[in-house]
Amino acid sequence: MAMATDSSTQAPDPTQLSFEDALRALESIVRRLESGDVPLDESISLYAQGEALRKRCADRLQAAEARIAKLTVDANGAVTGAQPFGAD
């Protein structure tokens, strides 16, 4: 007997989601898993989807962090340069 696929458990491809959409989808999965009302097989699938979404969010944050620069300004407030994130 084939099991019907519940479309609510099918998440979009995490690599195609913005950070905000991936985070919302991850939060939705966490709420469903925390409810305790999800059957075991669906819980396993949701966990895998959640892990992919978590990785997408972490990757996007890391990419954003790499692009952040510390701007240096002169006494008049004019930008005089930039340093990579975390440089002193």
Protein backbone atom coordinates (compact mmCIF):
# COMPACT_ATOMS: atom_id res chain seq x y z
CA MET A 1 0.00 0.00 0.00
CA ALA A 2 1.51 3.32 -1.09
CA MET A 3 1.44 6.18 1.34
CA ALA A 4 -0.08 9.43 0.16
CA THR A 5 2.34 12.32 0.24
CA ASP A 6 1.20 15.21 2.38
CA SER A 7 1.97 18.37 0.42
CA SER A 8 2.36 20.31 3.67
CA THR A 9 5.53 18.33 4.42
CA GLN A 10 7.09 19.12 1.03
CA ALA A 11 9.34 22.13 1.46
CA PRO A 12 10.64 24.16 -1.46
CA ASP A 13 14.30 23.76 -2.41
CA PRO A 14 16.19 25.54 0.40
CA THR A 15 18.85 26.76 -2.02
CA GLN A 16 16.19 28.83 -3.80
CA LEU A 17 14.90 30.57 -0.66
CA SER A 18 15.93 33.92 0.72
CA PHE A 19 17.31 33.93 4.25
CA GLU A 20 14.01 35.27 5.61
CA ASP A 21 11.90 32.65 3.80
CA ALA A 22 14.22 29.84 4.90
CA LEU A 23 14.06 31.06 8.51
CA ARG A 24 10.23 31.23 8.43
CA ALA A 25 10.06 27.71 6.98
CA LEU A 26 12.47 26.45 9.64
CA GLU A 27 10.41 28.08 12.41
CA SER A 28 7.27 26.42 11.03
CA ILE A 29 8.95 23.01 11.06
CA VAL A 30 10.16 23.51 14.63
CA ARG A 31 6.63 24.44 15.77
CA ARG A 32 5.19 21.32 14.10
CA LEU A 33 7.83 19.05 15.64
CA GLU A 34 7.40 20.62 19.08
CA SER A 35 3.64 20.06 18.93
CA GLY A 36 4.18 16.33 19.25
CA ASP A 37 1.30 15.65 16.86
CA VAL A 38 3.44 14.61 13.90
CA PRO A 39 3.78 10.89 13.08
CA LEU A 40 7.30 9.43 13.33
CA ASP A 41 7.90 9.07 9.57
CA GLU A 42 6.79 12.64 8.95
CA SER A 43 8.91 13.85 11.88
CA ILE A 44 11.99 12.30 10.28
CA SER A 45 11.21 14.01 6.98
CA LEU A 46 10.56 17.33 8.69
CA TYR A 47 13.82 17.03 10.61
CA ALA A 48 15.75 16.49 7.36
CA GLN A 49 14.03 19.51 5.79
CA GLY A 50 14.79 21.56 8.88
CA GLU A 51 18.45 20.62 8.77
CA ALA A 52 18.67 21.71 5.11
CA LEU A 53 16.98 25.01 6.00
CA ARG A 54 19.28 25.52 9.00
CA LYS A 55 22.29 25.00 6.75
CA ARG A 56 20.91 27.49 4.21
CA CYS A 57 20.44 30.12 6.92
CA ALA A 58 23.92 29.52 8.35
CA ASP A 59 25.48 29.72 4.88
CA ARG A 60 23.65 32.98 4.10
CA LEU A 61 24.72 34.51 7.43
CA GLN A 62 28.33 33.49 6.84
CA ALA A 63 28.25 35.01 3.33
CA ALA A 64 26.76 38.23 4.68
CA GLU A 65 29.34 38.40 7.46
CA ALA A 66 32.14 38.02 4.91
CA ARG A 67 30.84 41.06 3.01
CA ILE A 68 30.55 43.34 6.03
CA ALA A 69 33.30 45.89 6.26
CA LYS A 70 34.21 48.25 9.05
CA LEU A 71 34.21 51.74 7.57
CA THR A 72 36.74 54.25 8.76
CA VAL A 73 35.79 57.91 8.79
CA ASP A 74 37.69 61.13 9.25
CA ALA A 75 36.86 63.88 11.76
CA ASN A 76 34.30 65.33 9.34
CA GLY A 77 32.48 62.01 8.98
CA ALA A 78 33.71 61.30 5.46
CA VAL A 79 34.48 57.64 4.70
CA THR A 80 38.22 57.21 4.28
CA GLY A 81 38.50 53.45 3.96
CA ALA A 82 37.22 50.03 4.93
CA GLN A 83 38.61 47.01 6.72
CA PRO A 84 37.42 43.39 6.47
CA PHE A 85 34.96 42.20 9.11
CA GLY A 86 36.64 41.42 12.42
CA ALA A 87 39.86 43.33 11.63
CA ASP A 88 41.04 45.70 14.33
